[in-house]
C-alpha atoms as a PDB file:
ATOM      1  CA  UNK A   1      63.103 183.489-155.080  1.00  0.00           C
ATOM      2  CA  UNK A   2      66.695 183.919-153.961  1.00  0.00           C
ATOM      3  CA  UNK A   3      67.628 185.274-150.537  1.00  0.00           C
ATOM      4  CA  UNK A   4      70.788 187.265-150.331  1.00  0.00           C
ATOM      5  CA  UNK A   5      73.036 187.101-147.308  1.00  0.00           C
ATOM      6  CA  UNK A   6      75.409 189.895-146.889  1.00  0.00           C
ATOM      7  CA  UNK A   7      78.414 190.454-144.612  1.00  0.00           C
ATOM      8  CA  UNK A   8      76.396 192.054-141.846  1.00  0.00           C
ATOM      9  CA  UNK A   9      74.300 188.918-141.314  1.00  0.00           C
ATOM     10  CA  UNK A  10      77.400 186.747-141.115  1.00  0.00           C
ATOM     11  CA  UNK A  11      78.946 189.166-138.615  1.00  0.00           C
ATOM     12  CA  UNK A  12      75.816 189.077-136.416  1.00  0.00           C
ATOM     13  CA  UNK A  13      75.847 185.294-136.330  1.00  0.00           C
ATOM     14  CA  UNK A  14      79.553 185.321-135.468  1.00  0.00           C
ATOM     15  CA  UNK A  15      79.063 187.786-132.623  1.00  0.00           C
ATOM     16  CA  UNK A  16      76.221 185.727-131.154  1.00  0.00           C
ATOM     17  CA  UNK A  17      78.374 182.621-131.389  1.00  0.00           C
ATOM     18  CA  UNK A  18      81.281 184.331-129.598  1.00  0.00           C
ATOM     19  CA  UNK A  19      78.958 185.615-126.851  1.00  0.00           C
ATOM     20  CA  UNK A  20      77.586 182.093-126.373  1.00  0.00           C
ATOM     21  CA  UNK A  21      81.108 180.676-126.110  1.00  0.00           C
ATOM     22  CA  UNK A  22      82.110 183.378-123.555  1.00  0.00           C
ATOM     23  CA  UNK A  23      78.974 182.742-121.508  1.00  0.00           C
ATOM     24  CA  UNK A  24      79.683 179.038-121.427  1.00  0.00           C
ATOM     25  CA  UNK A  25      83.285 179.768-120.405  1.00  0.00           C
ATOM     26  CA  UNK A  26      82.138 182.034-117.554  1.00  0.00           C
ATOM     27  CA  UNK A  27      79.666 179.389-116.356  1.00  0.00           C
ATOM     28  CA  UNK A  28      82.373 176.729-116.511  1.00  0.00           C
ATOM     29  CA  UNK A  29      84.874 178.869-114.557  1.00  0.00           C
ATOM     30  CA  UNK A  30      82.236 179.793-111.971  1.00  0.00           C
ATOM     31  CA  UNK A  31      81.331 176.124-111.557  1.00  0.00           C
ATOM     32  CA  UNK A  32      84.973 175.199-111.075  1.00  0.00           C
ATOM     33  CA  UNK A  33      85.433 177.937-108.444  1.00  0.00           C
ATOM     34  CA  UNK A  34      82.256 176.823-106.632  1.00  0.00           C
ATOM     35  CA  UNK A  35      83.405 173.208-106.711  1.00  0.00           C
ATOM     36  CA  UNK A  36      86.794 174.222-105.338  1.00  0.00           C
ATOM     37  CA  UNK A  37      85.084 176.081-102.476  1.00  0.00           C
ATOM     38  CA  UNK A  38      82.982 173.005-101.702  1.00  0.00           C
ATOM     39  CA  UNK A  39      86.084 170.840-101.666  1.00  0.00           C
ATOM     40  CA  UNK A  40      87.869 173.344 -99.421  1.00  0.00           C
ATOM     41  CA  UNK A  41      84.903 173.467 -97.019  1.00  0.00           C
ATOM     42  CA  UNK A  42      84.792 169.708 -96.937  1.00  0.00           C
ATOM     43  CA  UNK A  43      88.475 169.672 -96.091  1.00  0.00           C
ATOM     44  CA  UNK A  44      87.892 172.159 -93.289  1.00  0.00           C
ATOM     45  CA  UNK A  45      85.058 169.996 -91.967  1.00  0.00           C
ATOM     46  CA  UNK A  46      87.324 166.974 -92.007  1.00  0.00           C
ATOM     47  CA  UNK A  47      89.959 169.001 -90.174  1.00  0.00           C
ATOM     48  CA  UNK A  48      87.411 170.126 -87.586  1.00  0.00           C
ATOM     49  CA  UNK A  49      86.288 166.547 -87.094  1.00  0.00           C
ATOM     50  CA  UNK A  50      89.911 165.518 -86.687  1.00  0.00           C
ATOM     51  CA  UNK A  51      90.355 168.214 -84.003  1.00  0.00           C
ATOM     52  CA  UNK A  52      87.271 167.301 -81.991  1.00  0.00           C
ATOM     53  CA  UNK A  53      87.678 167.484 -78.221  1.00  0.00           C
ATOM     54  CA  UNK A  54      88.696 164.185 -76.692  1.00  0.00           C
ATOM     55  CA  UNK A  55      86.850 164.780 -73.394  1.00  0.00           C
ATOM     56  CA  UNK A  56      83.890 166.736 -72.051  1.00  0.00           C
ATOM     57  CA  UNK A  57      84.048 168.112 -68.486  1.00  0.00           C
ATOM     58  CA  UNK A  58      81.308 169.863 -66.504  1.00  0.00           C
ATOM     59  CA  UNK A  59      82.028 172.914 -64.333  1.00  0.00           C
ATOM     60  CA  UNK A  60      79.541 173.536 -61.510  1.00  0.00           C
ATOM     61  CA  UNK A  61      79.695 176.392 -58.995  1.00  0.00           C
ATOM     62  CA  UNK A  62      77.123 178.132 -56.833  1.00  0.00           C
ATOM     63  CA  UNK A  63      77.408 181.635 -58.290  1.00  0.00           C
ATOM     64  CA  UNK A  64      79.046 182.178 -61.663  1.00  0.00           C
ATOM     65  CA  UNK A  65      78.280 185.916 -61.463  1.00  0.00           C
ATOM     66  CA  UNK A  66      81.009 186.145 -58.844  1.00  0.00           C
ATOM     67  CA  UNK A  67      84.269 187.453 -60.377  1.00  0.00           C
ATOM     68  CA  UNK A  68      86.331 184.878 -58.511  1.00  0.00           C
ATOM     69  CA  UNK A  69      84.396 181.944 -59.979  1.00  0.00           C
ATOM     70  CA  UNK A  70      84.470 183.470 -63.446  1.00  0.00           C
ATOM     71  CA  UNK A  71      88.279 183.582 -63.213  1.00  0.00           C
ATOM     72  CA  UNK A  72      88.485 180.005 -61.930  1.00  0.00           C
ATOM     73  CA  UNK A  73      86.298 178.912 -64.857  1.00  0.00           C
ATOM     74  CA  UNK A  74      88.359 180.845 -67.408  1.00  0.00           C
ATOM     75  CA  UNK A  75      91.575 179.311 -66.089  1.00  0.00           C
ATOM     76  CA  UNK A  76      90.026 175.852 -66.335  1.00  0.00           C
ATOM     77  CA  UNK A  77      88.636 176.529 -69.816  1.00  0.00           C
ATOM     78  CA  UNK A  78      91.999 177.745 -71.113  1.00  0.00           C
ATOM     79  CA  UNK A  79      93.757 174.657 -69.763  1.00  0.00           C
ATOM     80  CA  UNK A  80      91.024 172.539 -71.319  1.00  0.00           C
ATOM     81  CA  UNK A  81      91.643 174.083 -74.731  1.00  0.00           C
ATOM     82  CA  UNK A  82      95.369 173.413 -74.318  1.00  0.00           C
ATOM     83  CA  UNK A  83      94.708 169.741 -73.578  1.00  0.00           C
ATOM     84  CA  UNK A  84      91.887 169.175 -76.093  1.00  0.00           C
ATOM     85  CA  UNK A  85      89.163 169.101 -73.437  1.00  0.00           C
ATOM     86  CA  UNK A  86      85.806 170.847 -73.753  1.00  0.00           C
ATOM     87  CA  UNK A  87      84.817 172.434 -70.443  1.00  0.00           C
ATOM     88  CA  UNK A  88      81.130 173.308 -70.178  1.00  0.00           C
ATOM     89  CA  UNK A  89      79.745 175.560 -67.467  1.00  0.00           C
ATOM     90  CA  UNK A  90      76.568 173.939 -66.154  1.00  0.00           C
ATOM     91  CA  UNK A  91      74.655 176.973 -64.890  1.00  0.00           C
ATOM     92  CA  UNK A  92      71.154 176.527 -66.281  1.00  0.00           C
ATOM     93  CA  UNK A  93      69.587 179.195 -68.490  1.00  0.00           C
ATOM     94  CA  UNK A  94      67.794 182.499 -68.237  1.00  0.00           C
ATOM     95  CA  UNK A  95      64.470 180.678 -68.498  1.00  0.00           C
ATOM     96  CA  UNK A  96      65.217 177.902 -66.004  1.00  0.00           C
ATOM     97  CA  UNK A  97      67.347 178.214 -62.885  1.00  0.00           C
ATOM     98  CA  UNK A  98      68.646 174.870 -61.659  1.00  0.00           C
ATOM     99  CA  UNK A  99      69.999 174.197 -58.191  1.00  0.00           C
ATOM    100  CA  UNK A 100      73.533 172.914 -57.779  1.00  0.00           C
ATOM    101  CA  UNK A 101      72.098 169.483 -56.965  1.00  0.00           C
ATOM    102  CA  UNK A 102      70.056 169.482 -60.193  1.00  0.00           C
ATOM    103  CA  UNK A 103      73.023 170.613 -62.306  1.00  0.00           C
ATOM    104  CA  UNK A 104      75.117 167.837 -60.827  1.00  0.00           C
ATOM    105  CA  UNK A 105      72.381 165.345 -61.660  1.00  0.00           C
ATOM    106  CA  UNK A 106      72.240 166.672 -65.239  1.00  0.00           C
ATOM    107  CA  UNK A 107      76.014 166.314 -65.620  1.00  0.00           C
ATOM    108  CA  UNK A 108      75.871 162.700 -64.406  1.00  0.00           C
ATOM    109  CA  UNK A 109      72.952 161.916 -66.739  1.00  0.00           C
ATOM    110  CA  UNK A 110      74.884 163.501 -69.632  1.00  0.00           C
ATOM    111  CA  UNK A 111      77.732 161.048 -68.927  1.00  0.00           C
ATOM    112  CA  UNK A 112      80.409 163.740 -69.010  1.00  0.00           C
ATOM    113  CA  UNK A 113      83.994 162.562 -68.698  1.00  0.00           C
ATOM    114  CA  UNK A 114      84.721 164.535 -65.524  1.00  0.00           C
ATOM    115  CA  UNK A 115      83.269 167.121 -63.146  1.00  0.00           C
ATOM    116  CA  UNK A 116      84.776 170.210 -61.497  1.00  0.00           C
ATOM    117  CA  UNK A 117      82.531 171.065 -58.554  1.00  0.00           C
ATOM    118  CA  UNK A 118      82.255 173.696 -55.850  1.00  0.00           C
ATOM    119  CA  UNK A 119      81.097 171.223 -53.227  1.00  0.00           C
ATOM    120  CA  UNK A 120      79.592 171.708 -49.756  1.00  0.00           C
ATOM    121  CA  UNK A 121      78.924 169.713 -46.593  1.00  0.00           C
ATOM    122  CA  UNK A 122      75.432 168.513 -47.544  1.00  0.00           C
ATOM    123  CA  UNK A 123      74.624 164.796 -47.648  1.00  0.00           C
ATOM    124  CA  UNK A 124      72.821 165.145 -50.993  1.00  0.00           C
ATOM    125  CA  UNK A 125      75.925 166.568 -52.714  1.00  0.00           C
ATOM    126  CA  UNK A 126      78.091 163.861 -51.119  1.00  0.00           C
ATOM    127  CA  UNK A 127      75.757 161.139 -52.413  1.00  0.00           C
ATOM    128  CA  UNK A 128      75.738 162.647 -55.915  1.00  0.00           C
ATOM    129  CA  UNK A 129      79.543 162.830 -55.964  1.00  0.00           C
ATOM    130  CA  UNK A 130      79.669 159.172 -55.000  1.00  0.00           C
ATOM    131  CA  UNK A 131      77.079 158.377 -57.701  1.00  0.00           C
ATOM    132  CA  UNK A 132      79.219 160.143 -60.318  1.00  0.00           C
ATOM    133  CA  UNK A 133      82.364 158.266 -59.280  1.00  0.00           C
ATOM    134  CA  UNK A 134      80.435 154.951 -59.229  1.00  0.00           C
ATOM    135  CA  UNK A 135      79.458 155.767 -62.837  1.00  0.00           C
ATOM    136  CA  UNK A 136      83.116 156.200 -63.812  1.00  0.00           C
ATOM    137  CA  UNK A 137      82.937 160.017 -63.758  1.00  0.00           C
ATOM    138  CA  UNK A 138      85.844 161.434 -61.712  1.00  0.00           C
ATOM    139  CA  UNK A 139      85.125 164.513 -59.586  1.00  0.00           C
ATOM    140  CA  UNK A 140      87.501 167.272 -58.505  1.00  0.00           C
ATOM    141  CA  UNK A 141      86.122 169.558 -55.812  1.00  0.00           C
ATOM    142  CA  UNK A 142      87.341 173.149 -55.759  1.00  0.00           C
ATOM    143  CA  UNK A 143      87.388 175.814 -53.048  1.00  0.00           C
ATOM    144  CA  UNK A 144      84.913 173.866 -50.868  1.00  0.00           C
ATOM    145  CA  UNK A 145      85.311 170.148 -50.227  1.00  0.00           C
ATOM    146  CA  UNK A 146      82.844 167.344 -49.563  1.00  0.00           C
ATOM    147  CA  UNK A 147      84.393 165.500 -46.656  1.00  0.00           C
ATOM    148  CA  UNK A 148      84.010 161.734 -46.779  1.00  0.00           C
ATOM    149  CA  UNK A 149      82.941 161.624 -50.427  1.00  0.00           C
ATOM    150  CA  UNK A 150      84.604 159.562 -53.151  1.00  0.00           C
ATOM    151  CA  UNK A 151      85.876 162.635 -54.990  1.00  0.00           C
ATOM    152  CA  UNK A 152      89.317 162.181 -56.574  1.00  0.00           C
ATOM    153  CA  UNK A 153      90.930 165.464 -55.500  1.00  0.00           C
ATOM    154  CA  UNK A 154      90.258 168.716 -53.670  1.00  0.00           C
ATOM    155  CA  UNK A 155      91.896 171.937 -54.878  1.00  0.00           C
ATOM    156  CA  UNK A 156      91.494 174.965 -52.667  1.00  0.00           C
ATOM    157  CA  UNK A 157      92.870 177.354 -50.123  1.00  0.00           C
ATOM    158  CA  UNK A 158      94.100 175.958 -46.841  1.00  0.00           C
ATOM    159  CA  UNK A 159      91.692 177.455 -44.317  1.00  0.00           C
ATOM    160  CA  UNK A 160      94.298 177.601 -41.575  1.00  0.00           C
ATOM    161  CA  UNK A 161      96.853 179.320 -43.819  1.00  0.00           C
ATOM    162  CA  UNK A 162      94.138 181.737 -44.949  1.00  0.00           C
ATOM    163  CA  UNK A 163      93.424 182.539 -41.312  1.00  0.00           C
ATOM    164  CA  UNK A 164      97.114 183.071 -40.620  1.00  0.00           C
ATOM    165  CA  UNK A 165      97.381 185.584 -43.478  1.00  0.00           C
ATOM    166  CA  UNK A 166      94.325 187.453 -42.207  1.00  0.00           C
ATOM    167  CA  UNK A 167      95.876 187.433 -38.750  1.00  0.00           C
ATOM    168  CA  UNK A 168      99.093 188.973 -40.067  1.00  0.00           C
ATOM    169  CA  UNK A 169      97.137 191.706 -41.837  1.00  0.00           C
ATOM    170  CA  UNK A 170      95.177 192.457 -38.655  1.00  0.00           C
ATOM    171  CA  UNK A 171      98.461 192.801 -36.767  1.00  0.00           C
ATOM    172  CA  UNK A 172      99.897 195.029 -39.508  1.00  0.00           C
ATOM    173  CA  UNK A 173      97.110 197.619 -39.244  1.00  0.00           C
ATOM    174  CA  UNK A 174      96.587 197.453 -35.461  1.00  0.00           C
ATOM    175  CA  UNK A 175      98.143 199.446 -32.649  1.00  0.00           C
ATOM    176  CA  UNK A 176      97.962 199.148 -28.871  1.00  0.00           C
ATOM    177  CA  UNK A 177      94.890 201.391 -29.036  1.00  0.00           C
ATOM    178  CA  UNK A 178      93.065 199.046 -31.436  1.00  0.00           C
ATOM    179  CA  UNK A 179      90.315 197.220 -29.579  1.00  0.00           C
ATOM    180  CA  UNK A 180      87.646 195.761 -31.861  1.00  0.00           C
ATOM    181  CA  UNK A 181      88.029 193.415 -34.810  1.00  0.00           C
ATOM    182  CA  UNK A 182      84.907 192.283 -36.689  1.00  0.00           C
ATOM    183  CA  UNK A 183      85.053 189.266 -38.996  1.00  0.00           C
ATOM    184  CA  UNK A 184      82.276 189.154 -41.611  1.00  0.00           C
ATOM    185  CA  UNK A 185      81.484 185.596 -42.647  1.00  0.00           C
ATOM    186  CA  UNK A 186      79.322 184.450 -45.557  1.00  0.00           C
ATOM    187  CA  UNK A 187      76.867 181.811 -44.319  1.00  0.00           C
ATOM    188  CA  UNK A 188      77.690 179.795 -47.447  1.00  0.00           C
ATOM    189  CA  UNK A 189      81.106 178.950 -45.933  1.00  0.00           C
ATOM    190  CA  UNK A 190      80.746 175.659 -44.080  1.00  0.00           C
ATOM    191  CA  UNK A 191      81.166 175.615 -40.316  1.00  0.00           C
ATOM    192  CA  UNK A 192      84.331 173.531 -40.385  1.00  0.00           C
ATOM    193  CA  UNK A 193      86.126 176.012 -42.654  1.00  0.00           C
ATOM    194  CA  UNK A 194      84.857 178.966 -40.593  1.00  0.00           C
ATOM    195  CA  UNK A 195      86.274 177.447 -37.447  1.00  0.00           C
ATOM    196  CA  UNK A 196      89.633 176.652 -39.057  1.00  0.00           C
ATOM    197  CA  UNK A 197      89.968 180.182 -40.480  1.00  0.00           C
ATOM    198  CA  UNK A 198      89.061 181.660 -37.097  1.00  0.00           C
ATOM    199  CA  UNK A 199      91.612 179.405 -35.374  1.00  0.00           C
ATOM    200  CA  UNK A 200      94.312 180.533 -37.816  1.00  0.00           C
ATOM    201  CA  UNK A 201      93.507 184.186 -37.117  1.00  0.00           C
ATOM    202  CA  UNK A 202      93.409 183.697 -33.326  1.00  0.00           C
ATOM    203  CA  UNK A 203      96.626 181.691 -33.076  1.00  0.00           C
ATOM    204  CA  UNK A 204      98.526 184.093 -35.341  1.00  0.00           C
ATOM    205  CA  UNK A 205      97.471 187.089 -33.244  1.00  0.00           C
ATOM    206  CA  UNK A 206      98.335 185.195 -30.067  1.00  0.00           C
ATOM    207  CA  UNK A 207     101.790 184.209 -31.334  1.00  0.00           C
ATOM    208  CA  UNK A 208     102.785 187.215 -33.447  1.00  0.00           C
ATOM    209  CA  UNK A 209     100.608 189.997 -32.025  1.00  0.00           C
ATOM    210  CA  UNK A 210     100.841 189.345 -28.302  1.00  0.00           C
ATOM    211  CA  UNK A 211     101.581 193.041 -27.764  1.00  0.00           C
ATOM    212  CA  UNK A 212      97.995 193.777 -28.822  1.00  0.00           C
ATOM    213  CA  UNK A 213      94.788 193.500 -26.823  1.00  0.00           C
ATOM    214  CA  UNK A 214      92.153 192.759 -29.444  1.00  0.00           C
ATOM    215  CA  UNK A 215      88.536 191.756 -29.008  1.00  0.00           C
ATOM    216  CA  UNK A 216      87.356 189.684 -31.962  1.00  0.00           C
ATOM    217  CA  UNK A 217      83.740 189.222 -32.971  1.00  0.00           C
ATOM    218  CA  UNK A 218      82.046 187.612 -35.978  1.00  0.00           C
ATOM    219  CA  UNK A 219      78.987 188.527 -38.015  1.00  0.00           C
ATOM    220  CA  UNK A 220      77.364 186.042 -40.384  1.00  0.00           C
ATOM    221  CA  UNK A 221      75.659 187.456 -43.488  1.00  0.00           C
ATOM    222  CA  UNK A 222      73.628 185.592 -46.067  1.00  0.00           C
ATOM    223  CA  UNK A 223      74.467 185.726 -49.768  1.00  0.00           C
ATOM    224  CA  UNK A 224      70.950 184.595 -50.696  1.00  0.00           C
ATOM    225  CA  UNK A 225      69.991 188.249 -51.092  1.00  0.00           C
ATOM    226  CA  UNK A 226      72.530 190.790 -52.348  1.00  0.00           C
ATOM    227  CA  UNK A 227      70.597 193.651 -50.806  1.00  0.00           C
ATOM    228  CA  UNK A 228      70.202 191.797 -47.505  1.00  0.00           C
ATOM    229  CA  UNK A 229      73.952 191.282 -47.196  1.00  0.00           C
ATOM    230  CA  UNK A 230      74.597 194.877 -48.235  1.00  0.00           C
ATOM    231  CA  UNK A 231      72.135 196.241 -45.661  1.00  0.00           C
ATOM    232  CA  UNK A 232      73.630 194.080 -42.894  1.00  0.00           C
ATOM    233  CA  UNK A 233      77.084 195.506 -43.582  1.00  0.00           C
ATOM    234  CA  UNK A 234      75.825 199.084 -43.890  1.00  0.00           C
ATOM    235  CA  UNK A 235      74.290 198.754 -40.426  1.00  0.00           C
ATOM    236  CA  UNK A 236      77.796 198.350 -39.020  1.00  0.00           C
ATOM    237  CA  UNK A 237      78.635 201.900 -40.059  1.00  0.00           C
ATOM    238  CA  UNK A 238      75.431 203.577 -38.926  1.00  0.00           C
ATOM    239  CA  UNK A 239      76.656 203.921 -35.346  1.00  0.00           C
ATOM    240  CA  UNK A 240      80.201 205.274 -35.574  1.00  0.00           C
ATOM    241  CA  UNK A 241      80.588 205.134 -31.775  1.00  0.00           C
ATOM    242  CA  UNK A 242      80.541 201.325 -31.895  1.00  0.00           C
ATOM    243  CA  UNK A 243      82.492 201.040 -35.125  1.00  0.00           C
ATOM    244  CA  UNK A 244      85.232 198.353 -35.012  1.00  0.00           C
ATOM    245  CA  UNK A 245      88.696 199.581 -35.905  1.00  0.00           C
ATOM    246  CA  UNK A 246      89.311 196.562 -38.143  1.00  0.00           C
ATOM    247  CA  UNK A 247      86.808 194.760 -40.382  1.00  0.00           C
ATOM    248  CA  UNK A 248      87.791 191.470 -42.006  1.00  0.00           C
ATOM    249  CA  UNK A 249      85.800 190.282 -45.051  1.00  0.00           C
ATOM    250  CA  UNK A 250      86.031 186.613 -45.988  1.00  0.00           C
ATOM    251  CA  UNK A 251      84.425 186.950 -49.421  1.00  0.00           C
ATOM    252  CA  UNK A 252      84.366 189.286 -52.411  1.00  0.00           C
ATOM    253  CA  UNK A 253      80.802 190.532 -51.976  1.00  0.00           C
ATOM    254  CA  UNK A 254      81.355 191.554 -48.359  1.00  0.00           C
ATOM    255  CA  UNK A 255      84.562 193.338 -49.416  1.00  0.00           C
ATOM    256  CA  UNK A 256      82.739 195.405 -52.048  1.00  0.00           C
ATOM    257  CA  UNK A 257      79.853 196.178 -49.685  1.00  0.00           C
ATOM    258  CA  UNK A 258      82.159 197.283 -46.875  1.00  0.00           C
ATOM    259  CA  UNK A 259      84.162 199.556 -49.189  1.00  0.00           C
ATOM    260  CA  UNK A 260      80.994 201.187 -50.519  1.00  0.00           C
ATOM    261  CA  UNK A 261      79.574 201.671 -47.013  1.00  0.00           C
ATOM    262  CA  UNK A 262      82.711 203.293 -45.623  1.00  0.00           C
ATOM    263  CA  UNK A 263      82.638 205.770 -48.518  1.00  0.00           C
ATOM    264  CA  UNK A 264      78.901 206.463 -48.212  1.00  0.00           C
ATOM    265  CA  UNK A 265      79.189 207.194 -44.495  1.00  0.00           C
ATOM    266  CA  UNK A 266      82.336 209.292 -44.965  1.00  0.00           C
ATOM    267  CA  UNK A 267      84.356 207.046 -42.662  1.00  0.00           C
ATOM    268  CA  UNK A 268      87.399 206.391 -44.858  1.00  0.00           C
ATOM    269  CA  UNK A 269      90.402 206.273 -42.547  1.00  0.00           C
ATOM    270  CA  UNK A 270      88.262 205.532 -39.498  1.00  0.00           C
ATOM    271  CA  UNK A 271      88.288 201.781 -40.066  1.00  0.00           C
ATOM    272  CA  UNK A 272      90.778 199.383 -41.640  1.00  0.00           C
ATOM    273  CA  UNK A 273      89.082 196.967 -44.044  1.00  0.00           C
ATOM    274  CA  UNK A 274      90.844 193.748 -44.975  1.00  0.00           C
ATOM    275  CA  UNK A 275      89.219 192.130 -48.005  1.00  0.00           C
ATOM    276  CA  UNK A 276      89.218 188.993 -50.097  1.00  0.00           C
ATOM    277  CA  UNK A 277      90.051 188.483 -53.789  1.00  0.00           C
ATOM    278  CA  UNK A 278      90.970 191.280 -56.186  1.00  0.00           C
ATOM    279  CA  UNK A 279      89.133 192.921 -59.065  1.00  0.00           C
ATOM    280  CA  UNK A 280      89.608 196.323 -60.692  1.00  0.00           C
ATOM    281  CA  UNK A 281      87.154 197.754 -58.153  1.00  0.00           C
ATOM    282  CA  UNK A 282      89.011 196.254 -55.191  1.00  0.00           C
ATOM    283  CA  UNK A 283      92.383 197.306 -56.605  1.00  0.00           C
ATOM    284  CA  UNK A 284      91.119 200.885 -56.977  1.00  0.00           C
ATOM    285  CA  UNK A 285      89.870 200.783 -53.370  1.00  0.00           C
ATOM    286  CA  UNK A 286      93.377 199.804 -52.223  1.00  0.00           C
ATOM    287  CA  UNK A 287      94.900 202.577 -54.340  1.00  0.00           C
ATOM    288  CA  UNK A 288      92.543 205.142 -52.757  1.00  0.00           C
ATOM    289  CA  UNK A 289      93.287 203.690 -49.288  1.00  0.00           C
ATOM    290  CA  UNK A 290      89.658 202.735 -48.717  1.00  0.00           C
ATOM    291  CA  UNK A 291      90.828 199.128 -48.356  1.00  0.00           C
ATOM    292  CA  UNK A 292      93.912 198.357 -46.271  1.00  0.00           C
ATOM    293  CA  UNK A 293      94.691 195.069 -48.008  1.00  0.00           C
ATOM    294  CA  UNK A 294      93.088 192.076 -49.661  1.00  0.00           C
ATOM    295  CA  UNK A 295      93.913 188.379 -49.628  1.00  0.00           C
ATOM    296  CA  UNK A 296      94.384 186.866 -53.075  1.00  0.00           C
ATOM    297  CA  UNK A 297      94.894 183.477 -54.661  1.00  0.00           C
ATOM    298  CA  UNK A 298      95.809 182.709 -58.263  1.00  0.00           C
ATOM    299  CA  UNK A 299      92.250 181.780 -59.254  1.00  0.00           C
ATOM    300  CA  UNK A 300      93.086 181.068 -62.908  1.00  0.00           C
ATOM    301  CA  UNK A 301      95.810 178.651 -61.849  1.00  0.00           C
ATOM    302  CA  UNK A 302      93.324 177.032 -59.490  1.00  0.00           C
ATOM    303  CA  UNK A 303      90.996 176.391 -62.439  1.00  0.00           C
ATOM    304  CA  UNK A 304      93.843 175.041 -64.540  1.00  0.00           C
ATOM    305  CA  UNK A 305      94.846 172.682 -61.717  1.00  0.00           C
ATOM    306  CA  UNK A 306      91.294 171.288 -61.644  1.00  0.00           C
ATOM    307  CA  UNK A 307      91.490 170.266 -65.303  1.00  0.00           C
ATOM    308  CA  UNK A 308      95.033 168.930 -64.795  1.00  0.00           C
ATOM    309  CA  UNK A 309      93.760 166.824 -61.904  1.00  0.00           C
ATOM    310  CA  UNK A 310      90.982 165.261 -63.986  1.00  0.00           C
ATOM    311  CA  UNK A 311      93.343 164.669 -66.905  1.00  0.00           C
ATOM    312  CA  UNK A 312      95.939 163.042 -64.659  1.00  0.00           C
ATOM    313  CA  UNK A 313      93.416 160.764 -62.988  1.00  0.00           C
ATOM    314  CA  UNK A 314      91.894 159.627 -66.291  1.00  0.00           C
ATOM    315  CA  UNK A 315      95.358 158.977 -67.742  1.00  0.00           C
ATOM    316  CA  UNK A 316      96.972 157.227 -64.753  1.00  0.00           C
ATOM    317  CA  UNK A 317      94.283 156.391 -62.213  1.00  0.00           C
ATOM    318  CA  UNK A 318      96.082 158.511 -59.641  1.00  0.00           C
ATOM    319  CA  UNK A 319      96.028 162.173 -58.569  1.00  0.00           C
ATOM    320  CA  UNK A 320      96.930 164.222 -55.503  1.00  0.00           C
ATOM    321  CA  UNK A 321      94.135 163.925 -52.976  1.00  0.00           C
ATOM    322  CA  UNK A 322      94.588 167.471 -51.649  1.00  0.00           C
ATOM    323  CA  UNK A 323      96.134 170.480 -53.414  1.00  0.00           C
ATOM    324  CA  UNK A 324      96.545 173.711 -51.430  1.00  0.00           C
ATOM    325  CA  UNK A 325      96.955 177.014 -53.278  1.00  0.00           C
ATOM    326  CA  UNK A 326      99.200 179.739 -51.899  1.00  0.00           C
ATOM    327  CA  UNK A 327      97.626 182.963 -50.643  1.00  0.00           C
ATOM    328  CA  UNK A 328      99.158 186.444 -50.692  1.00  0.00           C
ATOM    329  CA  UNK A 329      98.216 189.869 -49.413  1.00  0.00           C
ATOM    330  CA  UNK A 330      97.989 192.858 -51.752  1.00  0.00           C
ATOM    331  CA  UNK A 331      98.500 196.277 -50.170  1.00  0.00           C
ATOM    332  CA  UNK A 332      99.123 199.755 -51.522  1.00  0.00           C
ATOM    333  CA  UNK A 333     102.845 198.981 -51.281  1.00  0.00           C
ATOM    334  CA  UNK A 334     102.822 196.033 -53.699  1.00  0.00           C
ATOM    335  CA  UNK A 335      99.747 196.830 -55.783  1.00  0.00           C
ATOM    336  CA  UNK A 336     101.744 198.064 -58.782  1.00  0.00           C
ATOM    337  CA  UNK A 337     103.919 194.943 -58.758  1.00  0.00           C
ATOM    338  CA  UNK A 338     100.836 192.741 -58.494  1.00  0.00           C
ATOM    339  CA  UNK A 339      99.210 194.478 -61.469  1.00  0.00           C
ATOM    340  CA  UNK A 340     102.351 193.936 -63.545  1.00  0.00           C
ATOM    341  CA  UNK A 341     102.416 190.223 -62.708  1.00  0.00           C
ATOM    342  CA  UNK A 342      98.681 189.884 -63.439  1.00  0.00           C
ATOM    343  CA  UNK A 343      99.119 191.532 -66.846  1.00  0.00           C
ATOM    344  CA  UNK A 344     101.721 188.974 -67.972  1.00  0.00           C
END
């Protein structure tokens, strides 16, 4: 029996063959594209490996929720990125809260290449700094020093110069009728720095404000409890008959608390508040004349100087032992200029 094949059967076979060829072509092209992507990714990975950070530094401060310390850290981190250094903030986690001593121990155990540390006067911190240096880990202390330790450099604000600037601001807002000046001190500030700041204030008033007759007093508040510090400052305003004409705040938290209290008790204009540091909230308080002035330091530059100090020591074996940052006063008269400079 003969089977006939006509044109339609040949055409069907041809179409199937063409479809098969096209499918194979699509698969081939897709495979080539996928391979190219893999090669590209591999190249990127090689590039990333080539650009790995050359050093790993630890940043340790008491309270990273504080705006000032966040700015110091950001300044240090930016300088680290510029110099191929990875700066890690050692602040524990939400699940586990480590003390400063424990974080310093972790950094030493991790064998980081350098440490930026908000130090203090305690013997345990001094011993850990010395342990780090003995293990070839240089330490730069910032804002608060550890006297007698082996740290390589201290970068901070000169306490005496800070006191002098506060003294000048007290003189600026005082008259012959001004009697009481209250200085609010955070108990975290070590006694040596407190005394030096107080000496700077006293000597400046004595030398430049000898036409005034001021009675200065201090009040120590604890930063262990935000509400405790806030309540202590609010108590100042509860008895307006004993209200000091000038209140000096030596830290950011006290500045914010004092501004809020003077508003809550409707005593704006009754007391001159001199603050510390500047944030949007503090700047707005100056603009609304709730705050007479605030003392500022370039906190981002301070952070950058910390990384520069570690880099310099690792590269040369030498670094400045003591670096003092300049302080300035921001008032309603120069607030606009300050904001322009900060925005650059």
